[in-house]
Amino acid sequence: MATLLILNYYKVLSLSYIYDNLGGFLTSAIIFSNLSVLLIHYWAVLTKNAERMTGNFIYDLFMGAYLNPRFGIVDIKMVAEVRVSWLLL
């Protein structure tokens, strides 16, 4: 929110533009986060890093199969279990 206010103050991005296109932004965020979750889940299964697998695909997908997925030094656990787009909603 602070970043949006700063961008609005310096006339880089107006708040009315974000308000007018909020549905598209949220839809894109949901699609991106769900695709990234599927990618992380299948990567864990293919590389044998999957933990706590119950055999129920939906449960395993939502609970996360990869305990500490990392992209370099960045821990992407938040993306793997708690969809950022759902938090925005």
PDB file of N, CA and C in Angstrom:
ATOM      1  N   MET A   1       0.825  -1.182   0.000  1.00  0.00           N
ATOM      2  CA  MET A   1       0.000   0.000   0.000  1.00  0.00           C
ATOM      3  C   MET A   1       0.873   1.251   0.000  1.00  0.00           C
ATOM      4  N   ALA A   2       1.946   1.182   0.777  1.00  0.00           N
ATOM      5  CA  ALA A   2       2.838   2.348   0.825  1.00  0.00           C
ATOM      6  C   ALA A   2       3.471   2.586  -0.540  1.00  0.00           C
ATOM      7  N   THR A   3       3.844   1.512  -1.218  1.00  0.00           N
ATOM      8  CA  THR A   3       4.436   1.653  -2.555  1.00  0.00           C
ATOM      9  C   THR A   3       3.444   2.271  -3.520  1.00  0.00           C
ATOM     10  N   LEU A   4       2.194   1.844  -3.455  1.00  0.00           N
ATOM     11  CA  LEU A   4       1.167   2.424  -4.325  1.00  0.00           C
ATOM     12  C   LEU A   4       0.956   3.904  -4.042  1.00  0.00           C
ATOM     13  N   LEU A   5       0.966   4.276  -2.772  1.00  0.00           N
ATOM     14  CA  LEU A   5       0.812   5.685  -2.422  1.00  0.00           C
ATOM     15  C   LEU A   5       1.988   6.526  -2.912  1.00  0.00           C
ATOM     16  N   ILE A   6       3.188   5.981  -2.817  1.00  0.00           N
ATOM     17  CA  ILE A   6       4.375   6.693  -3.306  1.00  0.00           C
ATOM     18  C   ILE A   6       4.322   6.835  -4.822  1.00  0.00           C
ATOM     19  N   LEU A   7       3.957   5.747  -5.522  1.00  0.00           N
ATOM     20  CA  LEU A   7       3.843   5.818  -6.979  1.00  0.00           C
ATOM     21  C   LEU A   7       2.757   6.795  -7.400  1.00  0.00           C
ATOM     22  N   ASN A   8       1.685   6.861  -6.647  1.00  0.00           N
ATOM     23  CA  ASN A   8       0.618   7.811  -6.943  1.00  0.00           C
ATOM     24  C   ASN A   8       1.078   9.240  -6.682  1.00  0.00           C
ATOM     25  N   TYR A   9       1.808   9.463  -5.597  1.00  0.00           N
ATOM     26  CA  TYR A   9       2.285  10.799  -5.244  1.00  0.00           C
ATOM     27  C   TYR A   9       3.214  11.362  -6.317  1.00  0.00           C
ATOM     28  N   TYR A  10       4.100  10.521  -6.849  1.00  0.00           N
ATOM     29  CA  TYR A  10       5.042  10.961  -7.878  1.00  0.00           C
ATOM     30  C   TYR A  10       4.485  10.815  -9.291  1.00  0.00           C
ATOM     31  N   LYS A  11       3.216  10.528  -9.405  1.00  0.00           N
ATOM     32  CA  LYS A  11       2.495  10.443 -10.671  1.00  0.00           C
ATOM     33  C   LYS A  11       3.063   9.388 -11.626  1.00  0.00           C
ATOM     34  N   VAL A  12       3.577   8.301 -11.064  1.00  0.00           N
ATOM     35  CA  VAL A  12       4.062   7.182 -11.861  1.00  0.00           C
ATOM     36  C   VAL A  12       2.904   6.264 -12.213  1.00  0.00           C
ATOM     37  N   LEU A  13       2.038   6.003 -11.251  1.00  0.00           N
ATOM     38  CA  LEU A  13       0.896   5.119 -11.418  1.00  0.00           C
ATOM     39  C   LEU A  13      -0.246   5.665 -10.565  1.00  0.00           C
ATOM     40  N   SER A  14      -1.369   5.932 -11.193  1.00  0.00           N
ATOM     41  CA  SER A  14      -2.471   6.520 -10.434  1.00  0.00           C
ATOM     42  C   SER A  14      -3.302   5.448  -9.741  1.00  0.00           C
ATOM     43  N   LEU A  15      -3.851   5.818  -8.591  1.00  0.00           N
ATOM     44  CA  LEU A  15      -4.693   4.891  -7.850  1.00  0.00           C
ATOM     45  C   LEU A  15      -5.980   4.584  -8.597  1.00  0.00           C
ATOM     46  N   SER A  16      -6.453   5.523  -9.408  1.00  0.00           N
ATOM     47  CA  SER A  16      -7.675   5.268 -10.176  1.00  0.00           C
ATOM     48  C   SER A  16      -7.438   4.191 -11.244  1.00  0.00           C
ATOM     49  N   TYR A  17      -6.233   4.131 -11.804  1.00  0.00           N
ATOM     50  CA  TYR A  17      -5.904   3.086 -12.770  1.00  0.00           C
ATOM     51  C   TYR A  17      -5.937   1.714 -12.093  1.00  0.00           C
ATOM     52  N   ILE A  18      -5.364   1.635 -10.895  1.00  0.00           N
ATOM     53  CA  ILE A  18      -5.365   0.375 -10.159  1.00  0.00           C
ATOM     54  C   ILE A  18      -6.793  -0.018  -9.791  1.00  0.00           C
ATOM     55  N   TYR A  19      -7.590   0.952  -9.358  1.00  0.00           N
ATOM     56  CA  TYR A  19      -8.983   0.682  -8.998  1.00  0.00           C
ATOM     57  C   TYR A  19      -9.771   0.189 -10.210  1.00  0.00           C
ATOM     58  N   ASP A  20      -9.559   0.808 -11.362  1.00  0.00           N
ATOM     59  CA  ASP A  20     -10.290   0.429 -12.572  1.00  0.00           C
ATOM     60  C   ASP A  20      -9.897  -0.962 -13.072  1.00  0.00           C
ATOM     61  N   ASN A  21      -8.672  -1.375 -12.815  1.00  0.00           N
ATOM     62  CA  ASN A  21      -8.167  -2.652 -13.331  1.00  0.00           C
ATOM     63  C   ASN A  21      -7.913  -3.685 -12.238  1.00  0.00           C
ATOM     64  N   LEU A  22      -8.525  -3.523 -11.078  1.00  0.00           N
ATOM     65  CA  LEU A  22      -8.278  -4.428  -9.958  1.00  0.00           C
ATOM     66  C   LEU A  22      -8.692  -5.858 -10.278  1.00  0.00           C
ATOM     67  N   GLY A  23      -9.800  -6.040 -10.967  1.00  0.00           N
ATOM     68  CA  GLY A  23     -10.244  -7.383 -11.326  1.00  0.00           C
ATOM     69  C   GLY A  23      -9.226  -8.108 -12.187  1.00  0.00           C
ATOM     70  N   GLY A  24      -8.668  -7.424 -13.165  1.00  0.00           N
ATOM     71  CA  GLY A  24      -7.650  -8.022 -14.018  1.00  0.00           C
ATOM     72  C   GLY A  24      -6.378  -8.341 -13.256  1.00  0.00           C
ATOM     73  N   PHE A  25      -5.986  -7.432 -12.342  1.00  0.00           N
ATOM     74  CA  PHE A  25      -4.799  -7.684 -11.535  1.00  0.00           C
ATOM     75  C   PHE A  25      -4.991  -8.910 -10.643  1.00  0.00           C
ATOM     76  N   LEU A  26      -6.148  -9.023 -10.006  1.00  0.00           N
ATOM     77  CA  LEU A  26      -6.401 -10.164  -9.123  1.00  0.00           C
ATOM     78  C   LEU A  26      -6.515 -11.468  -9.907  1.00  0.00           C
ATOM     79  N   THR A  27      -7.143 -11.415 -11.081  1.00  0.00           N
ATOM     80  CA  THR A  27      -7.248 -12.610 -11.913  1.00  0.00           C
ATOM     81  C   THR A  27      -5.864 -13.084 -12.344  1.00  0.00           C
ATOM     82  N   SER A  28      -5.020 -12.157 -12.750  1.00  0.00           N
ATOM     83  CA  SER A  28      -3.652 -12.506 -13.146  1.00  0.00           C
ATOM     84  C   SER A  28      -2.873 -13.078 -11.963  1.00  0.00           C
ATOM     85  N   ALA A  29      -3.057 -12.492 -10.786  1.00  0.00           N
ATOM     86  CA  ALA A  29      -2.361 -12.980  -9.595  1.00  0.00           C
ATOM     87  C   ALA A  29      -2.804 -14.395  -9.246  1.00  0.00           C
ATOM     88  N   ILE A  30      -4.099 -14.680  -9.360  1.00  0.00           N
ATOM     89  CA  ILE A  30      -4.610 -16.018  -9.051  1.00  0.00           C
ATOM     90  C   ILE A  30      -4.075 -17.045 -10.044  1.00  0.00           C
ATOM     91  N   ILE A  31      -4.102 -16.708 -11.329  1.00  0.00           N
ATOM     92  CA  ILE A  31      -3.596 -17.636 -12.346  1.00  0.00           C
ATOM     93  C   ILE A  31      -2.110 -17.894 -12.149  1.00  0.00           C
ATOM     94  N   PHE A  32      -1.330 -16.837 -11.935  1.00  0.00           N
ATOM     95  CA  PHE A  32       0.110 -16.986 -11.744  1.00  0.00           C
ATOM     96  C   PHE A  32       0.429 -17.811 -10.505  1.00  0.00           C
ATOM     97  N   SER A  33      -0.260 -17.532  -9.396  1.00  0.00           N
ATOM     98  CA  SER A  33       0.059 -18.261  -8.166  1.00  0.00           C
ATOM     99  C   SER A  33      -0.350 -19.729  -8.256  1.00  0.00           C
ATOM    100  N   ASN A  34      -1.493 -20.019  -8.872  1.00  0.00           N
ATOM    101  CA  ASN A  34      -1.896 -21.419  -9.007  1.00  0.00           C
ATOM    102  C   ASN A  34      -0.977 -22.181  -9.949  1.00  0.00           C
ATOM    103  N   LEU A  35      -0.521 -21.557 -11.018  1.00  0.00           N
ATOM    104  CA  LEU A  35       0.440 -22.213 -11.916  1.00  0.00           C
ATOM    105  C   LEU A  35       1.779 -22.450 -11.214  1.00  0.00           C
ATOM    106  N   SER A  36       2.203 -21.481 -10.420  1.00  0.00           N
ATOM    107  CA  SER A  36       3.469 -21.662  -9.708  1.00  0.00           C
ATOM    108  C   SER A  36       3.356 -22.756  -8.647  1.00  0.00           C
ATOM    109  N   VAL A  37       2.189 -22.882  -8.006  1.00  0.00           N
ATOM    110  CA  VAL A  37       1.986 -23.946  -7.032  1.00  0.00           C
ATOM    111  C   VAL A  37       2.055 -25.308  -7.713  1.00  0.00           C
ATOM    112  N   LEU A  38       1.414 -25.436  -8.873  1.00  0.00           N
ATOM    113  CA  LEU A  38       1.481 -26.701  -9.609  1.00  0.00           C
ATOM    114  C   LEU A  38       2.916 -27.019 -10.015  1.00  0.00           C
ATOM    115  N   LEU A  39       3.646 -26.021 -10.472  1.00  0.00           N
ATOM    116  CA  LEU A  39       5.042 -26.218 -10.855  1.00  0.00           C
ATOM    117  C   LEU A  39       5.878 -26.672  -9.662  1.00  0.00           C
ATOM    118  N   ILE A  40       5.708 -26.025  -8.522  1.00  0.00           N
ATOM    119  CA  ILE A  40       6.465 -26.392  -7.323  1.00  0.00           C
ATOM    120  C   ILE A  40       6.094 -27.805  -6.862  1.00  0.00           C
ATOM    121  N   HIS A  41       4.812 -28.126  -6.909  1.00  0.00           N
ATOM    122  CA  HIS A  41       4.356 -29.453  -6.475  1.00  0.00           C
ATOM    123  C   HIS A  41       4.955 -30.542  -7.367  1.00  0.00           C
ATOM    124  N   TYR A  42       4.844 -30.372  -8.673  1.00  0.00           N
ATOM    125  CA  TYR A  42       5.376 -31.391  -9.576  1.00  0.00           C
ATOM    126  C   TYR A  42       6.898 -31.439  -9.541  1.00  0.00           C
ATOM    127  N   TRP A  43       7.552 -30.313  -9.302  1.00  0.00           N
ATOM    128  CA  TRP A  43       9.005 -30.308  -9.176  1.00  0.00           C
ATOM    129  C   TRP A  43       9.420 -31.123  -7.950  1.00  0.00           C
ATOM    130  N   ALA A  44       8.679 -30.974  -6.851  1.00  0.00           N
ATOM    131  CA  ALA A  44       8.984 -31.743  -5.629  1.00  0.00           C
ATOM    132  C   ALA A  44       8.794 -33.229  -5.871  1.00  0.00           C
ATOM    133  N   VAL A  45       7.740 -33.602  -6.580  1.00  0.00           N
ATOM    134  CA  VAL A  45       7.481 -35.024  -6.848  1.00  0.00           C
ATOM    135  C   VAL A  45       8.541 -35.589  -7.785  1.00  0.00           C
ATOM    136  N   LEU A  46       8.892 -34.844  -8.835  1.00  0.00           N
ATOM    137  CA  LEU A  46       9.871 -35.345  -9.809  1.00  0.00           C
ATOM    138  C   LEU A  46      11.275 -35.453  -9.238  1.00  0.00           C
ATOM    139  N   THR A  47      11.642 -34.534  -8.341  1.00  0.00           N
ATOM    140  CA  THR A  47      12.991 -34.556  -7.773  1.00  0.00           C
ATOM    141  C   THR A  47      13.070 -35.332  -6.469  1.00  0.00           C
ATOM    142  N   LYS A  48      11.975 -36.008  -6.113  1.00  0.00           N
ATOM    143  CA  LYS A  48      11.914 -36.828  -4.894  1.00  0.00           C
ATOM    144  C   LYS A  48      12.127 -36.005  -3.618  1.00  0.00           C
ATOM    145  N   ASN A  49      11.726 -34.729  -3.627  1.00  0.00           N
ATOM    146  CA  ASN A  49      11.801 -33.877  -2.446  1.00  0.00           C
ATOM    147  C   ASN A  49      10.451 -33.756  -1.743  1.00  0.00           C
ATOM    148  N   ALA A  50       9.479 -34.514  -2.197  1.00  0.00           N
ATOM    149  CA  ALA A  50       8.137 -34.431  -1.615  1.00  0.00           C
ATOM    150  C   ALA A  50       8.134 -35.065  -0.226  1.00  0.00           C
ATOM    151  N   GLU A  51       7.551 -34.370   0.719  1.00  0.00           N
ATOM    152  CA  GLU A  51       7.448 -34.836   2.099  1.00  0.00           C
ATOM    153  C   GLU A  51       5.977 -34.905   2.485  1.00  0.00           C
ATOM    154  N   ARG A  52       5.653 -35.713   3.445  1.00  0.00           N
ATOM    155  CA  ARG A  52       4.312 -35.795   4.031  1.00  0.00           C
ATOM    156  C   ARG A  52       3.226 -36.079   3.000  1.00  0.00           C
ATOM    157  N   MET A  53       3.502 -36.872   2.002  1.00  0.00           N
ATOM    158  CA  MET A  53       2.509 -37.161   0.973  1.00  0.00           C
ATOM    159  C   MET A  53       1.479 -38.144   1.512  1.00  0.00           C
ATOM    160  N   THR A  54       0.191 -37.807   1.327  1.00  0.00           N
ATOM    161  CA  THR A  54      -0.885 -38.658   1.820  1.00  0.00           C
ATOM    162  C   THR A  54      -1.491 -39.511   0.713  1.00  0.00           C
ATOM    163  N   GLY A  55      -1.253 -39.149  -0.525  1.00  0.00           N
ATOM    164  CA  GLY A  55      -1.859 -39.849  -1.640  1.00  0.00           C
ATOM    165  C   GLY A  55      -3.093 -39.139  -2.178  1.00  0.00           C
ATOM    166  N   ASN A  56      -3.641 -38.208  -1.411  1.00  0.00           N
ATOM    167  CA  ASN A  56      -4.767 -37.401  -1.852  1.00  0.00           C
ATOM    168  C   ASN A  56      -4.209 -36.164  -2.557  1.00  0.00           C
ATOM    169  N   PHE A  57      -4.396 -36.077  -3.889  1.00  0.00           N
ATOM    170  CA  PHE A  57      -3.769 -35.012  -4.678  1.00  0.00           C
ATOM    171  C   PHE A  57      -4.173 -33.623  -4.195  1.00  0.00           C
ATOM    172  N   ILE A  58      -5.457 -33.402  -3.964  1.00  0.00           N
ATOM    173  CA  ILE A  58      -5.930 -32.072  -3.568  1.00  0.00           C
ATOM    174  C   ILE A  58      -5.343 -31.678  -2.214  1.00  0.00           C
ATOM    175  N   TYR A  59      -5.374 -32.587  -1.262  1.00  0.00           N
ATOM    176  CA  TYR A  59      -4.816 -32.298   0.067  1.00  0.00           C
ATOM    177  C   TYR A  59      -3.319 -32.019  -0.024  1.00  0.00           C
ATOM    178  N   ASP A  60      -2.602 -32.856  -0.753  1.00  0.00           N
ATOM    179  CA  ASP A  60      -1.158 -32.664  -0.890  1.00  0.00           C
ATOM    180  C   ASP A  60      -0.831 -31.366  -1.606  1.00  0.00           C
ATOM    181  N   LEU A  61      -1.652 -30.998  -2.580  1.00  0.00           N
ATOM    182  CA  LEU A  61      -1.417 -29.758  -3.314  1.00  0.00           C
ATOM    183  C   LEU A  61      -1.589 -28.551  -2.406  1.00  0.00           C
ATOM    184  N   PHE A  62      -2.650 -28.553  -1.602  1.00  0.00           N
ATOM    185  CA  PHE A  62      -2.910 -27.396  -0.756  1.00  0.00           C
ATOM    186  C   PHE A  62      -2.030 -27.348   0.485  1.00  0.00           C
ATOM    187  N   MET A  63      -1.614 -28.493   0.980  1.00  0.00           N
ATOM    188  CA  MET A  63      -0.744 -28.496   2.161  1.00  0.00           C
ATOM    189  C   MET A  63       0.721 -28.318   1.786  1.00  0.00           C
ATOM    190  N   GLY A  64       1.059 -28.577   0.551  1.00  0.00           N
ATOM    191  CA  GLY A  64       2.434 -28.409   0.107  1.00  0.00           C
ATOM    192  C   GLY A  64       3.225 -29.693   0.236  1.00  0.00           C
ATOM    193  N   ALA A  65       3.854 -30.096  -0.838  1.00  0.00           N
ATOM    194  CA  ALA A  65       4.643 -31.324  -0.826  1.00  0.00           C
ATOM    195  C   ALA A  65       6.113 -31.041  -0.534  1.00  0.00           C
ATOM    196  N   TYR A  66       6.548 -29.871  -0.866  1.00  0.00           N
ATOM    197  CA  TYR A  66       7.938 -29.475  -0.711  1.00  0.00           C
ATOM    198  C   TYR A  66       8.059 -28.684   0.589  1.00  0.00           C
ATOM    199  N   LEU A  67       8.887 -29.137   1.531  1.00  0.00           N
ATOM    200  CA  LEU A  67       8.949 -28.467   2.830  1.00  0.00           C
ATOM    201  C   LEU A  67       9.557 -27.071   2.748  1.00  0.00           C
ATOM    202  N   ASN A  68      10.680 -26.914   2.104  1.00  0.00           N
ATOM    203  CA  ASN A  68      11.328 -25.606   2.004  1.00  0.00           C
ATOM    204  C   ASN A  68      11.797 -25.355   0.577  1.00  0.00           C
ATOM    205  N   PRO A  69      10.852 -25.080  -0.335  1.00  0.00           N
ATOM    206  CA  PRO A  69      11.277 -24.827  -1.714  1.00  0.00           C
ATOM    207  C   PRO A  69      12.055 -23.518  -1.802  1.00  0.00           C
ATOM    208  N   ARG A  70      13.135 -23.558  -2.540  1.00  0.00           N
ATOM    209  CA  ARG A  70      13.981 -22.373  -2.684  1.00  0.00           C
ATOM    210  C   ARG A  70      14.281 -22.125  -4.156  1.00  0.00           C
ATOM    211  N   PHE A  71      14.386 -20.855  -4.469  1.00  0.00           N
ATOM    212  CA  PHE A  71      14.849 -20.412  -5.777  1.00  0.00           C
ATOM    213  C   PHE A  71      16.107 -19.613  -5.514  1.00  0.00           C
ATOM    214  N   GLY A  72      17.251 -20.285  -5.613  1.00  0.00           N
ATOM    215  CA  GLY A  72      18.501 -19.650  -5.197  1.00  0.00           C
ATOM    216  C   GLY A  72      18.515 -19.550  -3.682  1.00  0.00           C
ATOM    217  N   ILE A  73      18.621 -18.325  -3.155  1.00  0.00           N
ATOM    218  CA  ILE A  73      18.600 -18.138  -1.704  1.00  0.00           C
ATOM    219  C   ILE A  73      17.225 -17.702  -1.208  1.00  0.00           C
ATOM    220  N   VAL A  74      16.268 -17.543  -2.119  1.00  0.00           N
ATOM    221  CA  VAL A  74      14.934 -17.073  -1.749  1.00  0.00           C
ATOM    222  C   VAL A  74      14.033 -18.261  -1.417  1.00  0.00           C
ATOM    223  N   ASP A  75      13.467 -18.256  -0.223  1.00  0.00           N
ATOM    224  CA  ASP A  75      12.540 -19.300   0.195  1.00  0.00           C
ATOM    225  C   ASP A  75      11.158 -18.956  -0.354  1.00  0.00           C
ATOM    226  N   ILE A  76      10.591 -19.842  -1.146  1.00  0.00           N
ATOM    227  CA  ILE A  76       9.299 -19.552  -1.782  1.00  0.00           C
ATOM    228  C   ILE A  76       8.170 -20.343  -1.140  1.00  0.00           C
ATOM    229  N   LYS A  77       8.274 -20.602   0.162  1.00  0.00           N
ATOM    230  CA  LYS A  77       7.256 -21.356   0.877  1.00  0.00           C
ATOM    231  C   LYS A  77       5.907 -20.642   0.841  1.00  0.00           C
ATOM    232  N   MET A  78       5.914 -19.317   0.924  1.00  0.00           N
ATOM    233  CA  MET A  78       4.663 -18.564   0.906  1.00  0.00           C
ATOM    234  C   MET A  78       3.903 -18.824  -0.387  1.00  0.00           C
ATOM    235  N   VAL A  79       4.603 -18.914  -1.498  1.00  0.00           N
ATOM    236  CA  VAL A  79       3.947 -19.172  -2.778  1.00  0.00           C
ATOM    237  C   VAL A  79       3.472 -20.613  -2.848  1.00  0.00           C
ATOM    238  N   ALA A  80       4.232 -21.516  -2.246  1.00  0.00           N
ATOM    239  CA  ALA A  80       3.904 -22.935  -2.350  1.00  0.00           C
ATOM    240  C   ALA A  80       2.698 -23.332  -1.519  1.00  0.00           C
ATOM    241  N   GLU A  81       2.428 -22.648  -0.423  1.00  0.00           N
ATOM    242  CA  GLU A  81       1.315 -23.057   0.432  1.00  0.00           C
ATOM    243  C   GLU A  81       0.217 -22.011   0.545  1.00  0.00           C
ATOM    244  N   VAL A  82       0.568 -20.770   0.773  1.00  0.00           N
ATOM    245  CA  VAL A  82      -0.435 -19.728   0.944  1.00  0.00           C
ATOM    246  C   VAL A  82      -0.418 -18.869  -0.313  1.00  0.00           C
ATOM    247  N   ARG A  83      -1.403 -19.070  -1.159  1.00  0.00           N
ATOM    248  CA  ARG A  83      -1.445 -18.350  -2.420  1.00  0.00           C
ATOM    249  C   ARG A  83      -1.535 -16.859  -2.153  1.00  0.00           C
ATOM    250  N   VAL A  84      -0.566 -16.101  -2.671  1.00  0.00           N
ATOM    251  CA  VAL A  84      -0.513 -14.663  -2.440  1.00  0.00           C
ATOM    252  C   VAL A  84      -1.785 -13.992  -2.970  1.00  0.00           C
ATOM    253  N   SER A  85      -2.277 -14.465  -4.073  1.00  0.00           N
ATOM    254  CA  SER A  85      -3.486 -13.855  -4.648  1.00  0.00           C
ATOM    255  C   SER A  85      -4.689 -14.053  -3.741  1.00  0.00           C
ATOM    256  N   TRP A  86      -4.774 -15.172  -3.050  1.00  0.00           N
ATOM    257  CA  TRP A  86      -5.903 -15.403  -2.150  1.00  0.00           C
ATOM    258  C   TRP A  86      -5.800 -14.507  -0.933  1.00  0.00           C
ATOM    259  N   LEU A  87      -4.586 -14.181  -0.508  1.00  0.00           N
ATOM    260  CA  LEU A  87      -4.425 -13.224   0.590  1.00  0.00           C
ATOM    261  C   LEU A  87      -4.906 -11.845   0.176  1.00  0.00           C
ATOM    262  N   LEU A  88      -4.652 -11.464  -1.087  1.00  0.00           N
ATOM    263  CA  LEU A  88      -5.108 -10.164  -1.572  1.00  0.00           C
ATOM    264  C   LEU A  88      -6.639 -10.092  -1.601  1.00  0.00           C
ATOM    265  N   LEU A  89      -7.272 -11.216  -1.945  1.00  0.00           N
ATOM    266  CA  LEU A  89      -8.736 -11.216  -1.974  1.00  0.00           C
ATOM    267  C   LEU A  89      -9.295 -11.034  -0.578  1.00  0.00           C
TER     268      LEU A  89
END
